[in-house]
Amino acid sequence: MGNVTVVGAQWGDEGKGKIVDWLASRADTVVRFQGGHNAGHTLVVGGETYKLSLLPSGTVRGTPSIIGNGVVLDPWALQDEVERIRGQGVAVTPEVLRIAETCPLILPIHRDLDALREDASGAGKIGTTRRGIGPAYEDKVGRRAIRVCDLAHLGELDPLLDRLCAHHDHLRAGFGCPPVDRERLKADLNEIAEFVLQFARPVWVDLDEARRAGKRILFEGAQGVLLDVDHGTYPFVTSSNTVAGTTGSGSGTGPGAAGFVLGIVKAYTTRVGSGPFPTELFDGVGQRLGERGREFGTVTGRQRRCGWFDAVLVRQAVAVSGITGVALTKIDVLDGLEKVQVCTGYRIDGREFDYLPPHAADQARVEPVYEEMDGWAESTAGARSWAELPAQAIKYIRRVEELIRCPVALVSTSPERDDTILVRDPFAS
């Protein structure tokens, strides 16, 4: 029995939360290895809905869950989320939740800078969630971040603040804002420190012990491969690497820890915010997909853009993230459509492409090449076996497998945890 890494294979919002929660019953530990509270995972368990942003999805099930060093952590957002989930009856204790001591913190000044930049960008806006994710990663790379371990040494914070404020004060001045209020920042950190430190641990030690004991680790990615800062639709991407290769650096495990890489894909395509979207629909079908799929961002509440399944982009995601098998979600949203279409290639100025070119100007001129298939009138909602699926739905799934060059390991037929068809158990592979 090996490890499993779950990543989104589109632009996020593919239904990772449910799949990770479903897999958590087979795991000994669940690990978040990148991103921040700009990610949103929705779990529906027994009619109860849980909305998570920072907490690993295993938390709801009580599976030991780790926030790895590759995550940027907003301590106040974490406190709010823990209190909210506790209010729903979930026990979030240091035995369940562990946070890497080396996690960089998202501070109020990061949120300020995120919003100031976005407001000043005009036509260059990239649709940031304004939660300070990008500026926090910048400070990490710039070696001026305040980390979780620093909360235990607040009396020695001034040299760190000198370096941090030297950078941010100049930026804030350019936007006409006053310098960082250092005393207020120190007071805020002092107030939140005890809450965060109860969960802080050298989690790489825990993971090394788990590996040596042969325990099963489930790595949980945030966002999607197409939002990866290197491999996504740049600059309309997130500020971290979302591909499966990040599991090692983002958690303190070796590169071989990823195990079976499960890519989550919707049976159609969605995207929140700005950026290229070759198969986006602006007609009644697109509206229907959005309404039936309840396509609103978990974190932002923004309506998602909807379109046909893009096999070109998913095939690209499979390749760059080393995806072993996919979990196809929301197949039930396509129920009742007379015809369904799948994008099999692109055309730019008469030239054929089997991948998305990297330059924004080329991406803006992309014309999708579609293959049309018959739809199905029967319902797939709640199906838990192949026998319960309409023949045409199975034909659609098989065609998707061929086009993305990757097998389907699971099929999700509703938001409910158990409405899942298991084709291949990732933990047994």
Protein backbone atom coordinates (compact mmCIF):
# COMPACT_ATOMS: atom_id res chain seq x y z
CA MET A 1 0.00 0.00 0.00
CA GLY A 2 1.59 3.33 -1.09
CA ASN A 3 1.04 7.05 -0.80
CA VAL A 4 -1.39 9.07 -2.91
CA THR A 5 -1.10 12.66 -4.11
CA VAL A 6 -4.26 14.49 -5.16
CA VAL A 7 -3.97 17.49 -7.50
CA GLY A 8 -6.47 19.45 -9.52
CA ALA A 9 -5.90 18.87 -13.23
CA GLN A 10 -7.77 21.97 -14.44
CA TRP A 11 -8.08 25.50 -12.99
CA GLY A 12 -9.06 24.36 -9.50
CA ASP A 13 -12.60 23.83 -8.15
CA GLU A 14 -12.65 20.29 -9.57
CA GLY A 15 -14.06 18.65 -6.45
CA LYS A 16 -10.79 17.76 -4.69
CA GLY A 17 -12.27 18.19 -1.22
CA LYS A 18 -14.78 15.38 -1.58
CA ILE A 19 -12.26 13.01 -3.16
CA VAL A 20 -9.62 13.69 -0.50
CA ASP A 21 -12.22 13.22 2.23
CA TRP A 22 -13.29 9.94 0.61
CA LEU A 23 -9.67 8.74 0.37
CA ALA A 24 -8.89 9.87 3.93
CA SER A 25 -10.69 6.79 5.28
CA ARG A 26 -7.81 4.75 3.80
CA ALA A 27 -5.03 7.13 4.84
CA ASP A 28 -3.07 7.45 8.07
CA THR A 29 -2.10 11.09 7.48
CA VAL A 30 -3.32 13.89 5.18
CA VAL A 31 -0.88 16.66 4.16
CA ARG A 32 -1.44 20.08 2.52
CA PHE A 33 1.80 20.97 0.73
CA GLN A 34 1.24 24.33 -1.03
CA GLY A 35 -1.09 27.29 -1.41
CA GLY A 36 -2.93 29.23 1.24
CA HIS A 37 -6.47 30.16 2.21
CA ASN A 38 -7.18 31.21 -1.36
CA ALA A 39 -8.03 27.54 -1.93
CA GLY A 40 -11.50 26.29 -1.08
CA HIS A 41 -12.64 22.70 -0.53
CA THR A 42 -16.28 21.87 0.08
CA LEU A 43 -17.21 18.60 1.79
CA VAL A 44 -20.77 17.30 2.07
CA VAL A 45 -21.07 14.63 4.75
CA GLY A 46 -24.44 13.29 5.85
CA GLY A 47 -26.19 16.44 4.70
CA GLU A 48 -23.73 18.68 6.55
CA THR A 49 -21.58 21.02 4.44
CA TYR A 50 -18.05 21.90 5.52
CA LYS A 51 -16.10 24.65 3.77
CA LEU A 52 -12.35 24.42 4.26
CA SER A 53 -9.60 26.74 3.05
CA LEU A 54 -6.51 26.03 5.14
CA LEU A 55 -7.42 22.89 7.01
CA PRO A 56 -6.59 19.65 5.20
CA SER A 57 -9.73 17.77 4.20
CA GLY A 58 -8.84 14.88 6.50
CA THR A 59 -9.56 17.10 9.49
CA VAL A 60 -13.32 16.54 9.23
CA ARG A 61 -12.84 12.77 9.40
CA GLY A 62 -10.40 13.05 12.31
CA THR A 63 -7.47 11.77 10.26
CA PRO A 64 -4.17 13.29 11.49
CA SER A 65 -3.66 16.28 9.18
CA ILE A 66 -0.57 18.35 8.44
CA ILE A 67 -0.13 21.85 7.02
CA GLY A 68 3.28 21.61 5.36
CA ASN A 69 6.02 24.20 5.02
CA GLY A 70 5.04 24.88 1.40
CA VAL A 71 1.80 26.51 2.59
CA VAL A 72 1.63 30.23 3.43
CA LEU A 73 -0.38 30.50 6.63
CA ASP A 74 -2.72 33.32 7.65
CA PRO A 75 -2.96 32.68 11.42
CA TRP A 76 -6.12 34.74 11.86
CA ALA A 77 -7.86 32.98 8.98
CA LEU A 78 -6.79 29.68 10.52
CA GLN A 79 -8.27 30.61 13.88
CA ASP A 80 -11.57 31.64 12.27
CA GLU A 81 -11.74 28.39 10.29
CA VAL A 82 -10.92 26.20 13.29
CA GLU A 83 -13.57 27.91 15.40
CA ARG A 84 -16.15 27.58 12.62
CA ILE A 85 -15.45 23.89 12.08
CA ARG A 86 -15.47 23.25 15.82
CA GLY A 87 -18.89 24.88 15.87
CA GLN A 88 -20.02 22.16 13.45
CA GLY A 89 -18.92 19.47 15.87
CA VAL A 90 -15.45 18.69 14.45
CA ALA A 91 -12.69 18.24 17.04
CA VAL A 92 -9.63 20.20 15.89
CA THR A 93 -6.90 19.38 18.40
CA PRO A 94 -3.09 19.22 18.25
CA GLU A 95 -3.48 15.45 17.88
CA VAL A 96 -5.48 15.99 14.68
CA LEU A 97 -3.87 19.15 13.25
CA ARG A 98 -0.14 19.76 12.98
CA ILE A 99 1.53 22.79 11.37
CA ALA A 100 5.10 22.94 10.08
CA GLU A 101 7.23 25.24 12.21
CA THR A 102 8.74 26.65 9.03
CA CYS A 103 5.47 27.82 7.43
CA PRO A 104 5.71 31.47 6.34
CA LEU A 105 2.98 33.69 7.78
CA ILE A 106 0.57 35.83 5.80
CA LEU A 107 0.42 39.17 7.62
CA PRO A 108 -2.05 42.08 7.35
CA ILE A 109 0.58 43.97 5.32
CA HIS A 110 0.46 41.20 2.71
CA ARG A 111 -3.29 41.55 2.34
CA ASP A 112 -2.89 45.33 2.05
CA LEU A 113 -0.27 45.02 -0.69
CA ASP A 114 -2.29 42.42 -2.58
CA ALA A 115 -5.32 44.73 -2.75
CA LEU A 116 -3.31 47.88 -3.54
CA ARG A 117 -1.60 46.21 -6.47
CA GLU A 118 -4.78 44.72 -7.88
CA ASP A 119 -6.65 48.02 -7.66
CA ALA A 120 -3.81 49.83 -9.43
CA SER A 121 -3.42 47.26 -12.22
CA GLY A 122 -6.26 48.43 -14.46
CA ALA A 123 -6.53 46.15 -17.49
CA GLY A 124 -3.65 44.11 -16.11
CA LYS A 125 -5.65 42.67 -13.22
CA ILE A 126 -5.14 38.94 -12.78
CA GLY A 127 -8.08 38.21 -10.49
CA THR A 128 -6.22 37.70 -7.20
CA THR A 129 -8.31 36.77 -4.16
CA ARG A 130 -6.69 39.71 -2.31
CA ARG A 131 -5.75 37.45 0.60
CA GLY A 132 -2.04 38.20 0.57
CA ILE A 133 -0.91 34.90 -0.91
CA GLY A 134 1.42 36.29 -3.59
CA PRO A 135 3.12 38.92 -1.39
CA ALA A 136 3.69 36.30 1.33
CA TYR A 137 5.42 33.98 -1.14
CA GLU A 138 7.49 36.93 -2.38
CA ASP A 139 8.72 37.60 1.14
CA LYS A 140 9.52 33.92 1.60
CA VAL A 141 11.69 33.89 -1.52
CA GLY A 142 13.14 37.31 -0.53
CA ARG A 143 14.22 35.79 2.81
CA ARG A 144 12.30 38.32 4.88
CA ALA A 145 9.31 36.19 5.94
CA ILE A 146 8.12 35.78 9.51
CA ARG A 147 7.50 32.09 10.09
CA VAL A 148 5.51 30.02 12.58
CA CYS A 149 8.66 29.29 14.63
CA ASP A 150 9.20 33.05 15.07
CA LEU A 151 5.99 33.24 17.10
CA ALA A 152 7.85 31.46 19.91
CA HIS A 153 10.57 34.16 19.84
CA LEU A 154 8.64 37.42 19.56
CA GLY A 155 11.18 39.19 21.76
CA GLU A 156 13.72 38.70 18.99
CA LEU A 157 11.48 39.92 16.16
CA ASP A 158 12.97 43.41 15.59
CA PRO A 159 15.80 42.35 13.23
CA LEU A 160 13.26 40.46 11.10
CA LEU A 161 10.93 43.44 11.10
CA ASP A 162 13.78 45.73 10.03
CA ARG A 163 14.27 43.67 6.89
CA LEU A 164 10.54 43.20 6.26
CA CYS A 165 9.60 46.84 6.74
CA ALA A 166 12.53 48.13 4.67
CA HIS A 167 10.87 46.38 1.74
CA HIS A 168 7.19 47.07 2.48
CA ASP A 169 7.53 50.70 3.58
CA HIS A 170 8.92 51.66 0.16
CA LEU A 171 6.13 49.80 -1.62
CA ARG A 172 3.45 51.35 0.60
CA ALA A 173 4.90 54.82 0.02
CA GLY A 174 4.55 54.30 -3.71
CA PHE A 175 0.83 53.73 -3.19
CA GLY A 176 0.52 56.74 -0.90
CA CYS A 177 0.13 54.62 2.25
CA PRO A 178 1.81 55.15 5.64
CA PRO A 179 4.66 52.90 6.79
CA VAL A 180 4.00 49.58 8.49
CA ASP A 181 2.74 50.03 12.05
CA ARG A 182 5.37 47.82 13.67
CA GLU A 183 3.97 48.01 17.18
CA ARG A 184 0.50 47.07 16.00
CA LEU A 185 1.91 44.16 14.01
CA LYS A 186 3.88 42.91 17.03
CA ALA A 187 0.78 43.20 19.22
CA ASP A 188 -1.31 41.24 16.68
CA LEU A 189 1.30 38.49 16.48
CA ASN A 190 1.58 38.32 20.26
CA GLU A 191 -2.17 37.88 20.51
CA ILE A 192 -2.37 35.03 17.97
CA ALA A 193 0.90 33.26 18.84
CA GLU A 194 -0.43 30.91 21.54
CA PHE A 195 -3.24 29.67 19.31
CA VAL A 196 -0.91 28.80 16.42
CA LEU A 197 1.95 27.38 18.49
CA GLN A 198 -0.23 24.67 20.03
CA PHE A 199 -0.26 23.01 16.59
CA ALA A 200 3.37 23.74 15.59
CA ARG A 201 5.72 20.77 15.12
CA PRO A 202 8.70 19.61 13.08
CA VAL A 203 6.29 17.81 10.79
CA TRP A 204 9.08 16.40 8.62
CA VAL A 205 9.93 14.20 11.62
CA ASP A 206 6.33 12.94 11.80
CA LEU A 207 6.32 12.21 8.09
CA ASP A 208 9.67 10.43 8.23
CA GLU A 209 8.38 8.24 11.06
CA ALA A 210 5.19 7.55 9.10
CA ARG A 211 7.24 6.52 6.07
CA ARG A 212 9.45 4.21 8.11
CA ALA A 213 6.38 2.62 9.71
CA GLY A 214 4.84 1.94 6.29
CA LYS A 215 1.90 4.26 6.92
CA ARG A 216 -0.14 5.66 4.06
CA ILE A 217 0.19 9.40 3.40
CA LEU A 218 -2.33 11.35 1.39
CA PHE A 219 -0.93 14.59 -0.06
CA GLU A 220 -3.56 17.20 -0.83
CA GLY A 221 -2.90 19.89 -3.40
CA ALA A 222 -4.72 23.20 -3.72
CA GLN A 223 -5.91 25.04 -6.86
CA GLY A 224 -5.05 23.18 -10.08
CA VAL A 225 -2.18 22.35 -12.42
CA LEU A 226 -3.31 25.01 -14.90
CA LEU A 227 -2.75 27.60 -12.13
CA ASP A 228 0.83 26.46 -11.45
CA VAL A 229 3.22 29.42 -11.47
CA ASP A 230 5.50 27.59 -13.95
CA HIS A 231 3.15 25.37 -15.92
CA GLY A 232 -0.15 27.28 -15.84
CA THR A 233 -1.68 30.05 -17.95
CA TYR A 234 0.79 32.68 -16.75
CA PRO A 235 0.32 35.40 -15.48
CA PHE A 236 -3.22 34.27 -14.60
CA VAL A 237 -1.92 31.73 -12.11
CA THR A 238 -1.40 31.30 -8.38
CA SER A 239 1.90 32.07 -6.66
CA SER A 240 3.01 28.51 -5.92
CA ASN A 241 3.76 25.28 -7.73
CA THR A 242 0.59 23.17 -7.75
CA VAL A 243 2.01 20.13 -9.54
CA ALA A 244 2.58 16.82 -7.78
CA GLY A 245 6.35 17.30 -7.82
CA THR A 246 5.92 19.88 -5.04
CA THR A 247 4.87 17.27 -2.46
CA GLY A 248 8.47 16.69 -1.39
CA SER A 249 9.66 20.29 -1.05
CA GLY A 250 6.32 21.45 0.38
CA SER A 251 6.19 18.90 3.18
CA GLY A 252 9.72 17.78 3.98
CA THR A 253 9.60 14.38 2.31
CA GLY A 254 11.70 13.01 -0.53
CA PRO A 255 10.70 13.24 -4.21
CA GLY A 256 9.58 9.61 -4.22
CA ALA A 257 6.89 10.22 -1.59
CA ALA A 258 4.18 11.31 -4.04
CA GLY A 259 3.14 7.75 -4.91
CA PHE A 260 0.00 7.39 -7.04
CA VAL A 261 -0.84 10.82 -8.46
CA LEU A 262 -4.60 11.28 -8.77
CA GLY A 263 -5.70 14.20 -10.94
CA ILE A 264 -9.18 15.55 -10.28
CA VAL A 265 -11.09 16.72 -13.36
CA LYS A 266 -14.64 17.85 -13.93
CA ALA A 267 -16.63 16.31 -16.76
CA TYR A 268 -16.71 19.84 -18.16
CA THR A 269 -14.46 22.88 -17.50
CA THR A 270 -14.72 25.86 -15.15
CA ARG A 271 -12.57 28.80 -14.23
CA VAL A 272 -12.83 31.62 -11.68
CA GLY A 273 -11.47 35.07 -12.53
CA SER A 274 -9.47 36.29 -15.50
CA GLY A 275 -7.35 34.38 -17.99
CA PRO A 276 -7.64 32.32 -21.17
CA PHE A 277 -10.42 29.74 -21.42
CA PRO A 278 -10.61 28.23 -24.95
CA THR A 279 -13.84 26.24 -24.44
CA GLU A 280 -15.79 28.84 -22.47
CA LEU A 281 -19.51 28.95 -23.34
CA PHE A 282 -21.55 32.15 -23.39
CA ASP A 283 -24.86 30.52 -24.34
CA GLY A 284 -27.67 28.68 -22.61
CA VAL A 285 -25.59 25.51 -22.26
CA GLY A 286 -22.91 27.40 -20.33
CA GLN A 287 -25.57 28.92 -18.11
CA ARG A 288 -27.11 25.50 -17.54
CA LEU A 289 -23.76 23.99 -16.54
CA GLY A 290 -23.24 26.81 -14.04
CA GLU A 291 -26.69 26.48 -12.54
CA ARG A 292 -26.76 22.68 -12.31
CA GLY A 293 -23.18 22.51 -11.07
CA ARG A 294 -23.71 25.34 -8.55
CA GLU A 295 -20.59 26.94 -9.88
CA PHE A 296 -19.63 29.57 -7.36
CA GLY A 297 -16.15 29.84 -5.81
CA THR A 298 -15.90 28.33 -2.31
CA VAL A 299 -13.58 31.12 -1.13
CA THR A 300 -14.59 34.14 -3.21
CA GLY A 301 -18.24 33.41 -3.99
CA ARG A 302 -17.53 34.53 -7.56
CA GLN A 303 -19.49 32.86 -10.33
CA ARG A 304 -17.34 30.43 -12.27
CA ARG A 305 -17.01 30.58 -16.04
CA CYS A 306 -18.18 27.32 -17.64
CA GLY A 307 -17.36 25.46 -20.85
CA TRP A 308 -16.95 22.08 -22.52
CA PHE A 309 -14.36 19.56 -21.41
CA ASP A 310 -10.93 20.54 -22.75
CA ALA A 311 -8.98 17.32 -23.36
CA VAL A 312 -5.98 19.26 -24.66
CA LEU A 313 -5.42 21.10 -21.39
CA VAL A 314 -6.07 18.05 -19.22
CA ARG A 315 -3.65 15.99 -21.32
CA GLN A 316 -1.08 18.74 -20.77
CA ALA A 317 -1.77 18.68 -17.00
CA VAL A 318 -1.40 14.90 -16.93
CA ALA A 319 2.01 15.18 -18.56
CA VAL A 320 3.55 18.00 -16.49
CA SER A 321 2.25 16.69 -13.15
CA GLY A 322 2.93 13.00 -13.73
CA ILE A 323 -0.70 12.03 -13.15
CA THR A 324 -1.26 8.28 -12.82
CA GLY A 325 -5.06 8.26 -12.95
CA VAL A 326 -7.94 10.75 -12.83
CA ALA A 327 -11.07 11.14 -10.77
CA LEU A 328 -13.85 12.41 -13.00
CA THR A 329 -16.31 14.56 -11.05
CA LYS A 330 -19.73 16.11 -11.70
CA ILE A 331 -20.65 13.74 -14.52
CA ASP A 332 -24.26 14.20 -13.35
CA VAL A 333 -24.21 17.87 -14.43
CA LEU A 334 -24.17 16.68 -18.06
CA ASP A 335 -27.33 14.58 -17.60
CA GLY A 336 -30.11 15.48 -20.02
CA LEU A 337 -28.00 17.19 -22.67
CA GLU A 338 -28.87 15.99 -26.16
CA LYS A 339 -25.29 16.52 -27.38
CA VAL A 340 -21.99 17.00 -25.56
CA GLN A 341 -18.76 18.28 -27.01
CA VAL A 342 -15.12 17.67 -26.15
CA CYS A 343 -12.23 19.86 -27.26
CA THR A 344 -9.65 17.67 -29.02
CA GLY A 345 -7.30 20.32 -30.41
CA TYR A 346 -6.76 24.02 -31.16
CA ARG A 347 -6.50 26.12 -34.27
CA ILE A 348 -4.61 29.45 -34.32
CA ASP A 349 -4.66 31.42 -37.57
CA GLY A 350 -5.26 28.19 -39.48
CA ARG A 351 -2.44 26.28 -37.77
CA GLU A 352 -3.24 23.17 -35.69
CA PHE A 353 -1.98 22.80 -32.11
CA ASP A 354 -2.24 19.85 -29.71
CA TYR A 355 -1.17 21.97 -26.72
CA LEU A 356 -1.84 25.49 -25.42
CA PRO A 357 0.94 27.89 -26.52
CA PRO A 358 2.46 29.84 -23.60
CA HIS A 359 2.08 33.39 -24.90
CA ALA A 360 -1.07 35.31 -24.00
CA ALA A 361 -1.43 36.74 -27.53
CA ASP A 362 -1.52 33.24 -29.03
CA GLN A 363 -3.87 32.00 -26.32
CA ALA A 364 -6.29 34.84 -27.06
CA ARG A 365 -6.60 33.67 -30.69
CA VAL A 366 -7.16 29.99 -29.92
CA GLU A 367 -10.14 28.36 -31.62
CA PRO A 368 -11.18 25.04 -30.07
CA VAL A 369 -11.63 22.03 -32.32
CA TYR A 370 -14.57 19.96 -31.05
CA GLU A 371 -15.69 16.37 -31.28
CA GLU A 372 -19.44 15.98 -30.75
CA MET A 373 -20.98 13.01 -28.96
CA ASP A 374 -24.51 11.97 -28.12
CA GLY A 375 -25.63 12.87 -24.62
CA TRP A 376 -27.81 10.77 -22.31
CA ALA A 377 -31.28 11.36 -20.94
CA GLU A 378 -30.96 9.05 -17.93
CA SER A 379 -29.67 10.29 -14.56
CA THR A 380 -26.19 9.47 -13.32
CA ALA A 381 -26.72 11.26 -10.00
CA GLY A 382 -25.87 9.06 -7.03
CA ALA A 383 -24.59 6.13 -9.11
CA ARG A 384 -22.12 3.92 -7.23
CA SER A 385 -21.28 1.32 -9.89
CA TRP A 386 -20.71 1.11 -13.64
CA ALA A 387 -23.97 -0.83 -13.95
CA GLU A 388 -25.89 2.24 -12.80
CA LEU A 389 -24.43 4.50 -15.49
CA PRO A 390 -26.12 5.04 -18.88
CA ALA A 391 -24.24 3.42 -21.76
CA GLN A 392 -23.62 6.77 -23.42
CA ALA A 393 -22.15 8.21 -20.21
CA ILE A 394 -19.71 5.29 -20.09
CA LYS A 395 -18.84 5.93 -23.73
CA TYR A 396 -18.13 9.57 -22.86
CA ILE A 397 -15.83 8.55 -19.99
CA ARG A 398 -13.94 6.08 -22.17
CA ARG A 399 -13.43 8.73 -24.86
CA VAL A 400 -12.09 11.16 -22.25
CA GLU A 401 -9.58 8.50 -21.16
CA GLU A 402 -8.36 8.08 -24.74
CA LEU A 403 -7.98 11.80 -25.34
CA ILE A 404 -6.14 12.64 -22.12
CA ARG A 405 -4.01 9.46 -22.31
CA CYS A 406 -4.75 8.57 -18.71
CA PRO A 407 -7.17 6.08 -17.11
CA VAL A 408 -10.13 7.05 -14.95
CA ALA A 409 -9.66 5.70 -11.43
CA LEU A 410 -12.80 7.14 -9.80
CA VAL A 411 -16.06 8.70 -10.94
CA SER A 412 -17.96 11.07 -8.65
CA THR A 413 -21.70 11.32 -9.25
CA SER A 414 -22.77 13.81 -6.54
CA PRO A 415 -21.25 15.91 -3.75
CA GLU A 416 -22.08 13.17 -1.22
CA ARG A 417 -19.06 11.23 0.06
CA ASP A 418 -20.30 7.75 -0.89
CA ASP A 419 -21.65 8.58 -4.35
CA THR A 420 -18.39 7.45 -5.92
CA ILE A 421 -17.56 4.69 -8.40
CA LEU A 422 -14.19 3.11 -7.62
CA VAL A 423 -12.48 1.82 -10.76
CA ARG A 424 -8.96 1.56 -9.38
CA ASP A 425 -7.98 2.03 -5.73
CA PRO A 426 -5.08 4.53 -5.70
CA PHE A 427 -3.78 3.21 -2.38
CA ALA A 428 -3.59 -0.32 -3.75
CA SER A 429 -1.72 0.69 -6.89
